[in-house]
Amino acid sequence: MNPICNGTNAPPPKVTLVDNASSTATVVEVRAHDEPGLLWRIGRALGECGLNVMAARVETLGAEAVDVFYVTDAAGALLTDPDLRKRTVKMVLSALAPALVPNRR
């Protein structure tokens, strides 16, 4: 059951860049309410940042999606540029924003 539709509050989406989890990629952890199209929106946001997704682990824990992406920049390197890191978090959070609006029928 969708907690947004039944009146309870879903936890807000969260995007975390995890440093030192991998020596070959930067880990982007995304937690959000699971719904159809969520993975596509996250992947599109990462692509719009010019990132390469090297691997992903996708899990659903109850109604919450916990997705982890191993990404590199366009040159195949870790995300070290502060502006790219901020943009990545901002773009993914923006992609998750539709998940906060209940479906209107």
PDB file of N, CA and C in Angstrom:
ATOM      1  N   MET A   1       0.842  -1.183   0.000  1.00  0.00           N
ATOM      2  CA  MET A   1       0.000   0.000   0.000  1.00  0.00           C
ATOM      3  C   MET A   1       0.884   1.242   0.000  1.00  0.00           C
ATOM      4  N   ASN A   2       0.522   2.204  -0.776  1.00  0.00           N
ATOM      5  CA  ASN A   2       1.278   3.444  -0.887  1.00  0.00           C
ATOM      6  C   ASN A   2       1.020   4.313   0.343  1.00  0.00           C
ATOM      7  N   PRO A   3       2.057   4.598   1.168  1.00  0.00           N
ATOM      8  CA  PRO A   3       1.833   5.386   2.361  1.00  0.00           C
ATOM      9  C   PRO A   3       1.389   6.805   2.067  1.00  0.00           C
ATOM     10  N   ILE A   4       1.677   7.295   0.883  1.00  0.00           N
ATOM     11  CA  ILE A   4       1.240   8.646   0.529  1.00  0.00           C
ATOM     12  C   ILE A   4      -0.277   8.648   0.345  1.00  0.00           C
ATOM     13  N   CYS A   5      -0.810   7.588  -0.262  1.00  0.00           N
ATOM     14  CA  CYS A   5      -2.236   7.531  -0.541  1.00  0.00           C
ATOM     15  C   CYS A   5      -3.072   7.237   0.702  1.00  0.00           C
ATOM     16  N   ASN A   6      -2.508   6.525   1.679  1.00  0.00           N
ATOM     17  CA  ASN A   6      -3.318   6.183   2.841  1.00  0.00           C
ATOM     18  C   ASN A   6      -3.180   7.198   3.966  1.00  0.00           C
ATOM     19  N   GLY A   7      -2.520   8.339   3.710  1.00  0.00           N
ATOM     20  CA  GLY A   7      -2.478   9.408   4.689  1.00  0.00           C
ATOM     21  C   GLY A   7      -1.251   9.425   5.583  1.00  0.00           C
ATOM     22  N   THR A   8      -0.431   8.390   5.553  1.00  0.00           N
ATOM     23  CA  THR A   8       0.784   8.410   6.358  1.00  0.00           C
ATOM     24  C   THR A   8       1.899   9.030   5.541  1.00  0.00           C
ATOM     25  N   ASN A   9       2.940   9.436   6.201  1.00  0.00           N
ATOM     26  CA  ASN A   9       4.049  10.090   5.509  1.00  0.00           C
ATOM     27  C   ASN A   9       5.130   9.082   5.150  1.00  0.00           C
ATOM     28  N   ALA A  10       5.536   9.111   3.896  1.00  0.00           N
ATOM     29  CA  ALA A  10       6.680   8.321   3.461  1.00  0.00           C
ATOM     30  C   ALA A  10       7.936   9.122   3.797  1.00  0.00           C
ATOM     31  N   PRO A  11       9.035   8.451   4.112  1.00  0.00           N
ATOM     32  CA  PRO A  11      10.261   9.213   4.367  1.00  0.00           C
ATOM     33  C   PRO A  11      10.678   9.957   3.103  1.00  0.00           C
ATOM     34  N   PRO A  12      11.286  11.123   3.266  1.00  0.00           N
ATOM     35  CA  PRO A  12      11.707  11.873   2.077  1.00  0.00           C
ATOM     36  C   PRO A  12      12.810  11.128   1.327  1.00  0.00           C
ATOM     37  N   PRO A  13      12.873  11.305   0.010  1.00  0.00           N
ATOM     38  CA  PRO A  13      13.951  10.681  -0.756  1.00  0.00           C
ATOM     39  C   PRO A  13      15.303  11.160  -0.249  1.00  0.00           C
ATOM     40  N   LYS A  14      16.292  10.294  -0.376  1.00  0.00           N
ATOM     41  CA  LYS A  14      17.643  10.633   0.077  1.00  0.00           C
ATOM     42  C   LYS A  14      18.644  10.122  -0.956  1.00  0.00           C
ATOM     43  N   VAL A  15      19.598  10.970  -1.294  1.00  0.00           N
ATOM     44  CA  VAL A  15      20.675  10.608  -2.219  1.00  0.00           C
ATOM     45  C   VAL A  15      21.990  10.863  -1.507  1.00  0.00           C
ATOM     46  N   THR A  16      22.827   9.826  -1.441  1.00  0.00           N
ATOM     47  CA  THR A  16      24.108   9.926  -0.749  1.00  0.00           C
ATOM     48  C   THR A  16      25.225   9.461  -1.671  1.00  0.00           C
ATOM     49  N   LEU A  17      26.283  10.248  -1.761  1.00  0.00           N
ATOM     50  CA  LEU A  17      27.490   9.821  -2.463  1.00  0.00           C
ATOM     51  C   LEU A  17      28.411   9.201  -1.420  1.00  0.00           C
ATOM     52  N   VAL A  18      28.758   7.945  -1.637  1.00  0.00           N
ATOM     53  CA  VAL A  18      29.563   7.214  -0.667  1.00  0.00           C
ATOM     54  C   VAL A  18      30.996   7.119  -1.192  1.00  0.00           C
ATOM     55  N   ASP A  19      31.889   7.808  -0.519  1.00  0.00           N
ATOM     56  CA  ASP A  19      33.298   7.763  -0.909  1.00  0.00           C
ATOM     57  C   ASP A  19      33.965   6.550  -0.271  1.00  0.00           C
ATOM     58  N   ASN A  20      34.992   6.060  -0.901  1.00  0.00           N
ATOM     59  CA  ASN A  20      35.823   4.954  -0.412  1.00  0.00           C
ATOM     60  C   ASN A  20      35.110   3.613  -0.335  1.00  0.00           C
ATOM     61  N   ALA A  21      33.943   3.488  -0.941  1.00  0.00           N
ATOM     62  CA  ALA A  21      33.272   2.191  -0.983  1.00  0.00           C
ATOM     63  C   ALA A  21      33.813   1.346  -2.139  1.00  0.00           C
ATOM     64  N   SER A  22      34.396   2.014  -3.115  1.00  0.00           N
ATOM     65  CA  SER A  22      34.953   1.337  -4.280  1.00  0.00           C
ATOM     66  C   SER A  22      36.178   2.122  -4.746  1.00  0.00           C
ATOM     67  N   SER A  23      37.160   1.410  -5.230  1.00  0.00           N
ATOM     68  CA  SER A  23      38.351   2.095  -5.741  1.00  0.00           C
ATOM     69  C   SER A  23      38.211   2.465  -7.216  1.00  0.00           C
ATOM     70  N   THR A  24      37.158   1.960  -7.868  1.00  0.00           N
ATOM     71  CA  THR A  24      37.005   2.191  -9.304  1.00  0.00           C
ATOM     72  C   THR A  24      35.769   3.002  -9.679  1.00  0.00           C
ATOM     73  N   ALA A  25      34.899   3.277  -8.713  1.00  0.00           N
ATOM     74  CA  ALA A  25      33.674   4.021  -9.005  1.00  0.00           C
ATOM     75  C   ALA A  25      33.203   4.740  -7.748  1.00  0.00           C
ATOM     76  N   THR A  26      32.413   5.770  -7.956  1.00  0.00           N
ATOM     77  CA  THR A  26      31.760   6.454  -6.845  1.00  0.00           C
ATOM     78  C   THR A  26      30.399   5.806  -6.640  1.00  0.00           C
ATOM     79  N   VAL A  27      30.041   5.549  -5.412  1.00  0.00           N
ATOM     80  CA  VAL A  27      28.774   4.902  -5.107  1.00  0.00           C
ATOM     81  C   VAL A  27      27.719   5.976  -4.839  1.00  0.00           C
ATOM     82  N   VAL A  28      26.611   5.864  -5.552  1.00  0.00           N
ATOM     83  CA  VAL A  28      25.458   6.743  -5.356  1.00  0.00           C
ATOM     84  C   VAL A  28      24.354   5.882  -4.752  1.00  0.00           C
ATOM     85  N   GLU A  29      24.001   6.159  -3.509  1.00  0.00           N
ATOM     86  CA  GLU A  29      22.928   5.417  -2.844  1.00  0.00           C
ATOM     87  C   GLU A  29      21.665   6.255  -2.870  1.00  0.00           C
ATOM     88  N   VAL A  30      20.583   5.638  -3.322  1.00  0.00           N
ATOM     89  CA  VAL A  30      19.303   6.330  -3.435  1.00  0.00           C
ATOM     90  C   VAL A  30      18.271   5.568  -2.616  1.00  0.00           C
ATOM     91  N   ARG A  31      17.590   6.290  -1.729  1.00  0.00           N
ATOM     92  CA  ARG A  31      16.483   5.729  -0.952  1.00  0.00           C
ATOM     93  C   ARG A  31      15.242   6.553  -1.262  1.00  0.00           C
ATOM     94  N   ALA A  32      14.181   5.859  -1.654  1.00  0.00           N
ATOM     95  CA  ALA A  32      12.940   6.550  -2.005  1.00  0.00           C
ATOM     96  C   ALA A  32      11.780   5.567  -1.926  1.00  0.00           C
ATOM     97  N   HIS A  33      10.575   6.099  -1.885  1.00  0.00           N
ATOM     98  CA  HIS A  33       9.392   5.252  -1.937  1.00  0.00           C
ATOM     99  C   HIS A  33       9.382   4.557  -3.296  1.00  0.00           C
ATOM    100  N   ASP A  34       9.204   3.249  -3.297  1.00  0.00           N
ATOM    101  CA  ASP A  34       9.231   2.491  -4.545  1.00  0.00           C
ATOM    102  C   ASP A  34       7.938   2.706  -5.327  1.00  0.00           C
ATOM    103  N   GLU A  35       8.102   2.876  -6.629  1.00  0.00           N
ATOM    104  CA  GLU A  35       6.949   2.994  -7.524  1.00  0.00           C
ATOM    105  C   GLU A  35       7.411   2.707  -8.942  1.00  0.00           C
ATOM    106  N   PRO A  36       6.470   2.371  -9.835  1.00  0.00           N
ATOM    107  CA  PRO A  36       6.844   2.107 -11.220  1.00  0.00           C
ATOM    108  C   PRO A  36       7.568   3.307 -11.841  1.00  0.00           C
ATOM    109  N   GLY A  37       8.626   3.031 -12.573  1.00  0.00           N
ATOM    110  CA  GLY A  37       9.377   4.079 -13.266  1.00  0.00           C
ATOM    111  C   GLY A  37      10.483   4.719 -12.444  1.00  0.00           C
ATOM    112  N   LEU A  38      10.579   4.359 -11.177  1.00  0.00           N
ATOM    113  CA  LEU A  38      11.581   4.980 -10.307  1.00  0.00           C
ATOM    114  C   LEU A  38      13.000   4.726 -10.817  1.00  0.00           C
ATOM    115  N   LEU A  39      13.321   3.498 -11.117  1.00  0.00           N
ATOM    116  CA  LEU A  39      14.665   3.149 -11.575  1.00  0.00           C
ATOM    117  C   LEU A  39      15.001   3.869 -12.883  1.00  0.00           C
ATOM    118  N   TRP A  40      14.032   3.956 -13.774  1.00  0.00           N
ATOM    119  CA  TRP A  40      14.255   4.653 -15.042  1.00  0.00           C
ATOM    120  C   TRP A  40      14.575   6.124 -14.797  1.00  0.00           C
ATOM    121  N   ARG A  41      13.825   6.781 -13.893  1.00  0.00           N
ATOM    122  CA  ARG A  41      14.060   8.202 -13.623  1.00  0.00           C
ATOM    123  C   ARG A  41      15.439   8.432 -13.010  1.00  0.00           C
ATOM    124  N   ILE A  42      15.858   7.546 -12.131  1.00  0.00           N
ATOM    125  CA  ILE A  42      17.187   7.675 -11.519  1.00  0.00           C
ATOM    126  C   ILE A  42      18.265   7.506 -12.596  1.00  0.00           C
ATOM    127  N   GLY A  43      18.136   6.469 -13.408  1.00  0.00           N
ATOM    128  CA  GLY A  43      19.110   6.226 -14.471  1.00  0.00           C
ATOM    129  C   GLY A  43      19.196   7.378 -15.458  1.00  0.00           C
ATOM    130  N   ARG A  44      18.052   7.945 -15.775  1.00  0.00           N
ATOM    131  CA  ARG A  44      18.037   9.084 -16.706  1.00  0.00           C
ATOM    132  C   ARG A  44      18.772  10.277 -16.086  1.00  0.00           C
ATOM    133  N   ALA A  45      18.542  10.530 -14.799  1.00  0.00           N
ATOM    134  CA  ALA A  45      19.209  11.654 -14.126  1.00  0.00           C
ATOM    135  C   ALA A  45      20.720  11.452 -14.113  1.00  0.00           C
ATOM    136  N   LEU A  46      21.157  10.237 -13.842  1.00  0.00           N
ATOM    137  CA  LEU A  46      22.599   9.964 -13.843  1.00  0.00           C
ATOM    138  C   LEU A  46      23.174  10.182 -15.241  1.00  0.00           C
ATOM    139  N   GLY A  47      22.451   9.739 -16.255  1.00  0.00           N
ATOM    140  CA  GLY A  47      22.893   9.934 -17.633  1.00  0.00           C
ATOM    141  C   GLY A  47      22.950  11.401 -18.016  1.00  0.00           C
ATOM    142  N   GLU A  48      21.979  12.187 -17.556  1.00  0.00           N
ATOM    143  CA  GLU A  48      21.965  13.614 -17.865  1.00  0.00           C
ATOM    144  C   GLU A  48      23.147  14.338 -17.205  1.00  0.00           C
ATOM    145  N   CYS A  49      23.716  13.738 -16.175  1.00  0.00           N
ATOM    146  CA  CYS A  49      24.917  14.308 -15.542  1.00  0.00           C
ATOM    147  C   CYS A  49      26.177  13.868 -16.272  1.00  0.00           C
ATOM    148  N   GLY A  50      26.028  13.044 -17.305  1.00  0.00           N
ATOM    149  CA  GLY A  50      27.174  12.566 -18.060  1.00  0.00           C
ATOM    150  C   GLY A  50      27.909  11.423 -17.378  1.00  0.00           C
ATOM    151  N   LEU A  51      27.223  10.726 -16.481  1.00  0.00           N
ATOM    152  CA  LEU A  51      27.870   9.644 -15.738  1.00  0.00           C
ATOM    153  C   LEU A  51      27.678   8.305 -16.423  1.00  0.00           C
ATOM    154  N   ASN A  52      28.638   7.434 -16.200  1.00  0.00           N
ATOM    155  CA  ASN A  52      28.556   6.051 -16.663  1.00  0.00           C
ATOM    156  C   ASN A  52      28.181   5.180 -15.472  1.00  0.00           C
ATOM    157  N   VAL A  53      27.148   4.367 -15.622  1.00  0.00           N
ATOM    158  CA  VAL A  53      26.779   3.429 -14.567  1.00  0.00           C
ATOM    159  C   VAL A  53      27.516   2.128 -14.848  1.00  0.00           C
ATOM    160  N   MET A  54      28.457   1.803 -13.957  1.00  0.00           N
ATOM    161  CA  MET A  54      29.279   0.609 -14.134  1.00  0.00           C
ATOM    162  C   MET A  54      28.601  -0.642 -13.567  1.00  0.00           C
ATOM    163  N   ALA A  55      27.810  -0.447 -12.514  1.00  0.00           N
ATOM    164  CA  ALA A  55      27.087  -1.551 -11.879  1.00  0.00           C
ATOM    165  C   ALA A  55      25.982  -0.946 -11.027  1.00  0.00           C
ATOM    166  N   ALA A  56      24.996  -1.758 -10.705  1.00  0.00           N
ATOM    167  CA  ALA A  56      23.915  -1.295  -9.840  1.00  0.00           C
ATOM    168  C   ALA A  56      23.410  -2.460  -9.006  1.00  0.00           C
ATOM    169  N   ARG A  57      22.936  -2.128  -7.831  1.00  0.00           N
ATOM    170  CA  ARG A  57      22.272  -3.108  -6.969  1.00  0.00           C
ATOM    171  C   ARG A  57      20.936  -2.488  -6.598  1.00  0.00           C
ATOM    172  N   VAL A  58      19.880  -3.163  -6.936  1.00  0.00           N
ATOM    173  CA  VAL A  58      18.539  -2.637  -6.756  1.00  0.00           C
ATOM    174  C   VAL A  58      17.804  -3.523  -5.759  1.00  0.00           C
ATOM    175  N   GLU A  59      17.284  -2.912  -4.701  1.00  0.00           N
ATOM    176  CA  GLU A  59      16.556  -3.663  -3.681  1.00  0.00           C
ATOM    177  C   GLU A  59      15.305  -2.910  -3.286  1.00  0.00           C
ATOM    178  N   THR A  60      14.306  -3.664  -2.867  1.00  0.00           N
ATOM    179  CA  THR A  60      13.103  -3.071  -2.304  1.00  0.00           C
ATOM    180  C   THR A  60      12.921  -3.659  -0.919  1.00  0.00           C
ATOM    181  N   LEU A  61      12.838  -2.772   0.064  1.00  0.00           N
ATOM    182  CA  LEU A  61      12.622  -3.172   1.449  1.00  0.00           C
ATOM    183  C   LEU A  61      11.258  -2.632   1.850  1.00  0.00           C
ATOM    184  N   GLY A  62      10.264  -3.491   1.827  1.00  0.00           N
ATOM    185  CA  GLY A  62       8.897  -3.031   2.064  1.00  0.00           C
ATOM    186  C   GLY A  62       8.483  -2.118   0.930  1.00  0.00           C
ATOM    187  N   ALA A  63       8.082  -0.904   1.260  1.00  0.00           N
ATOM    188  CA  ALA A  63       7.671   0.064   0.243  1.00  0.00           C
ATOM    189  C   ALA A  63       8.817   0.979  -0.165  1.00  0.00           C
ATOM    190  N   GLU A  64      10.016   0.766   0.410  1.00  0.00           N
ATOM    191  CA  GLU A  64      11.145   1.641   0.129  1.00  0.00           C
ATOM    192  C   GLU A  64      12.142   0.973  -0.811  1.00  0.00           C
ATOM    193  N   ALA A  65      12.543   1.718  -1.832  1.00  0.00           N
ATOM    194  CA  ALA A  65      13.599   1.263  -2.732  1.00  0.00           C
ATOM    195  C   ALA A  65      14.930   1.745  -2.176  1.00  0.00           C
ATOM    196  N   VAL A  66      15.899   0.848  -2.155  1.00  0.00           N
ATOM    197  CA  VAL A  66      17.264   1.191  -1.763  1.00  0.00           C
ATOM    198  C   VAL A  66      18.135   0.743  -2.928  1.00  0.00           C
ATOM    199  N   ASP A  67      18.502   1.705  -3.765  1.00  0.00           N
ATOM    200  CA  ASP A  67      19.239   1.414  -4.991  1.00  0.00           C
ATOM    201  C   ASP A  67      20.637   2.010  -4.893  1.00  0.00           C
ATOM    202  N   VAL A  68      21.619   1.229  -5.308  1.00  0.00           N
ATOM    203  CA  VAL A  68      23.010   1.655  -5.245  1.00  0.00           C
ATOM    204  C   VAL A  68      23.599   1.567  -6.650  1.00  0.00           C
ATOM    205  N   PHE A  69      24.208   2.668  -7.078  1.00  0.00           N
ATOM    206  CA  PHE A  69      24.796   2.746  -8.412  1.00  0.00           C
ATOM    207  C   PHE A  69      26.287   3.029  -8.283  1.00  0.00           C
ATOM    208  N   TYR A  70      27.085   2.283  -9.018  1.00  0.00           N
ATOM    209  CA  TYR A  70      28.531   2.517  -9.086  1.00  0.00           C
ATOM    210  C   TYR A  70      28.762   3.302 -10.365  1.00  0.00           C
ATOM    211  N   VAL A  71      29.160   4.567 -10.214  1.00  0.00           N
ATOM    212  CA  VAL A  71      29.263   5.452 -11.365  1.00  0.00           C
ATOM    213  C   VAL A  71      30.666   6.034 -11.511  1.00  0.00           C
ATOM    214  N   THR A  72      30.970   6.416 -12.756  1.00  0.00           N
ATOM    215  CA  THR A  72      32.197   7.151 -13.048  1.00  0.00           C
ATOM    216  C   THR A  72      31.817   8.367 -13.884  1.00  0.00           C
ATOM    217  N   ASP A  73      32.735   9.318 -13.954  1.00  0.00           N
ATOM    218  CA  ASP A  73      32.481  10.486 -14.798  1.00  0.00           C
ATOM    219  C   ASP A  73      32.720  10.107 -16.260  1.00  0.00           C
ATOM    220  N   ALA A  74      32.597  11.064 -17.150  1.00  0.00           N
ATOM    221  CA  ALA A  74      32.732  10.798 -18.589  1.00  0.00           C
ATOM    222  C   ALA A  74      34.101  10.242 -18.954  1.00  0.00           C
ATOM    223  N   ALA A  75      35.123  10.553 -18.139  1.00  0.00           N
ATOM    224  CA  ALA A  75      36.479  10.063 -18.401  1.00  0.00           C
ATOM    225  C   ALA A  75      36.739   8.714 -17.738  1.00  0.00           C
ATOM    226  N   GLY A  76      35.744   8.164 -17.046  1.00  0.00           N
ATOM    227  CA  GLY A  76      35.907   6.874 -16.386  1.00  0.00           C
ATOM    228  C   GLY A  76      36.530   6.968 -15.004  1.00  0.00           C
ATOM    229  N   ALA A  77      36.531   8.158 -14.422  1.00  0.00           N
ATOM    230  CA  ALA A  77      37.161   8.363 -13.120  1.00  0.00           C
ATOM    231  C   ALA A  77      36.109   8.543 -12.017  1.00  0.00           C
ATOM    232  N   LEU A  78      36.583   8.472 -10.779  1.00  0.00           N
ATOM    233  CA  LEU A  78      35.726   8.741  -9.626  1.00  0.00           C
ATOM    234  C   LEU A  78      35.186  10.166  -9.697  1.00  0.00           C
ATOM    235  N   LEU A  79      34.059  10.410  -9.052  1.00  0.00           N
ATOM    236  CA  LEU A  79      33.499  11.760  -9.030  1.00  0.00           C
ATOM    237  C   LEU A  79      34.215  12.573  -7.962  1.00  0.00           C
ATOM    238  N   THR A  80      35.148  13.405  -8.393  1.00  0.00           N
ATOM    239  CA  THR A  80      35.900  14.231  -7.456  1.00  0.00           C
ATOM    240  C   THR A  80      35.569  15.711  -7.595  1.00  0.00           C
ATOM    241  N   ASP A  81      35.025  16.103  -8.738  1.00  0.00           N
ATOM    242  CA  ASP A  81      34.686  17.506  -8.969  1.00  0.00           C
ATOM    243  C   ASP A  81      33.498  17.887  -8.082  1.00  0.00           C
ATOM    244  N   PRO A  82      33.666  18.874  -7.195  1.00  0.00           N
ATOM    245  CA  PRO A  82      32.588  19.250  -6.282  1.00  0.00           C
ATOM    246  C   PRO A  82      31.302  19.685  -7.000  1.00  0.00           C
ATOM    247  N   ASP A  83      31.439  20.376  -8.127  1.00  0.00           N
ATOM    248  CA  ASP A  83      30.253  20.817  -8.867  1.00  0.00           C
ATOM    249  C   ASP A  83      29.492  19.632  -9.459  1.00  0.00           C
ATOM    250  N   LEU A  84      30.209  18.651 -10.001  1.00  0.00           N
ATOM    251  CA  LEU A  84      29.562  17.462 -10.552  1.00  0.00           C
ATOM    252  C   LEU A  84      28.890  16.658  -9.441  1.00  0.00           C
ATOM    253  N   ARG A  85      29.519  16.574  -8.293  1.00  0.00           N
ATOM    254  CA  ARG A  85      28.927  15.848  -7.167  1.00  0.00           C
ATOM    255  C   ARG A  85      27.618  16.508  -6.726  1.00  0.00           C
ATOM    256  N   LYS A  86      27.630  17.836  -6.601  1.00  0.00           N
ATOM    257  CA  LYS A  86      26.409  18.567  -6.206  1.00  0.00           C
ATOM    258  C   LYS A  86      25.322  18.411  -7.258  1.00  0.00           C
ATOM    259  N   ARG A  87      25.725  18.515  -8.517  1.00  0.00           N
ATOM    260  CA  ARG A  87      24.753  18.396  -9.613  1.00  0.00           C
ATOM    261  C   ARG A  87      24.137  16.996  -9.627  1.00  0.00           C
ATOM    262  N   THR A  88      24.945  15.987  -9.379  1.00  0.00           N
ATOM    263  CA  THR A  88      24.445  14.610  -9.366  1.00  0.00           C
ATOM    264  C   THR A  88      23.361  14.441  -8.305  1.00  0.00           C
ATOM    265  N   VAL A  89      23.643  14.897  -7.094  1.00  0.00           N
ATOM    266  CA  VAL A  89      22.655  14.778  -6.020  1.00  0.00           C
ATOM    267  C   VAL A  89      21.397  15.564  -6.380  1.00  0.00           C
ATOM    268  N   LYS A  90      21.568  16.786  -6.876  1.00  0.00           N
ATOM    269  CA  LYS A  90      20.429  17.636  -7.223  1.00  0.00           C
ATOM    270  C   LYS A  90      19.576  17.014  -8.326  1.00  0.00           C
ATOM    271  N   MET A  91      20.222  16.488  -9.371  1.00  0.00           N
ATOM    272  CA  MET A  91      19.488  15.905 -10.497  1.00  0.00           C
ATOM    273  C   MET A  91      18.716  14.651 -10.081  1.00  0.00           C
ATOM    274  N   VAL A  92      19.349  13.805  -9.271  1.00  0.00           N
ATOM    275  CA  VAL A  92      18.658  12.591  -8.838  1.00  0.00           C
ATOM    276  C   VAL A  92      17.490  12.959  -7.924  1.00  0.00           C
ATOM    277  N   LEU A  93      17.696  13.878  -6.998  1.00  0.00           N
ATOM    278  CA  LEU A  93      16.588  14.306  -6.143  1.00  0.00           C
ATOM    279  C   LEU A  93      15.454  14.906  -6.977  1.00  0.00           C
ATOM    280  N   SER A  94      15.788  15.671  -7.992  1.00  0.00           N
ATOM    281  CA  SER A  94      14.767  16.237  -8.879  1.00  0.00           C
ATOM    282  C   SER A  94      14.001  15.137  -9.597  1.00  0.00           C
ATOM    283  N   ALA A  95      14.699  14.084  -9.981  1.00  0.00           N
ATOM    284  CA  ALA A  95      14.051  12.954 -10.652  1.00  0.00           C
ATOM    285  C   ALA A  95      13.109  12.213  -9.708  1.00  0.00           C
ATOM    286  N   LEU A  96      13.380  12.287  -8.424  1.00  0.00           N
ATOM    287  CA  LEU A  96      12.543  11.606  -7.440  1.00  0.00           C
ATOM    288  C   LEU A  96      11.328  12.445  -7.053  1.00  0.00           C
ATOM    289  N   ALA A  97      11.343  13.720  -7.352  1.00  0.00           N
ATOM    290  CA  ALA A  97      10.258  14.627  -6.940  1.00  0.00           C
ATOM    291  C   ALA A  97       8.881  14.152  -7.373  1.00  0.00           C
ATOM    292  N   PRO A  98       8.696  13.628  -8.597  1.00  0.00           N
ATOM    293  CA  PRO A  98       7.355  13.151  -8.955  1.00  0.00           C
ATOM    294  C   PRO A  98       6.841  12.066  -8.014  1.00  0.00           C
ATOM    295  N   ALA A  99       7.737  11.337  -7.366  1.00  0.00           N
ATOM    296  CA  ALA A  99       7.323  10.283  -6.453  1.00  0.00           C
ATOM    297  C   ALA A  99       6.643  10.860  -5.221  1.00  0.00           C
ATOM    298  N   LEU A 100       6.813  12.159  -4.970  1.00  0.00           N
ATOM    299  CA  LEU A 100       6.220  12.781  -3.794  1.00  0.00           C
ATOM    300  C   LEU A 100       4.783  13.230  -4.052  1.00  0.00           C
ATOM    301  N   VAL A 101       4.353  13.258  -5.303  1.00  0.00           N
ATOM    302  CA  VAL A 101       3.012  13.720  -5.642  1.00  0.00           C
ATOM    303  C   VAL A 101       2.114  12.520  -5.845  1.00  0.00           C
ATOM    304  N   PRO A 102       1.005  12.418  -5.117  1.00  0.00           N
ATOM    305  CA  PRO A 102       0.106  11.268  -5.311  1.00  0.00           C
ATOM    306  C   PRO A 102      -0.478  11.258  -6.712  1.00  0.00           C
ATOM    307  N   ASN A 103      -0.778  10.056  -7.200  1.00  0.00           N
ATOM    308  CA  ASN A 103      -1.402   9.924  -8.510  1.00  0.00           C
ATOM    309  C   ASN A 103      -2.791  10.545  -8.477  1.00  0.00           C
ATOM    310  N   ARG A 104      -3.081  11.311  -9.492  1.00  0.00           N
ATOM    311  CA  ARG A 104      -4.409  11.918  -9.589  1.00  0.00           C
ATOM    312  C   ARG A 104      -5.199  11.163 -10.651  1.00  0.00           C
ATOM    313  N   ARG A 105      -6.384  10.782 -10.301  1.00  0.00           N
ATOM    314  CA  ARG A 105      -7.204   9.994 -11.243  1.00  0.00           C
ATOM    315  C   ARG A 105      -8.388  10.786 -11.702  1.00  0.00           C
TER     316      ARG A 105
END
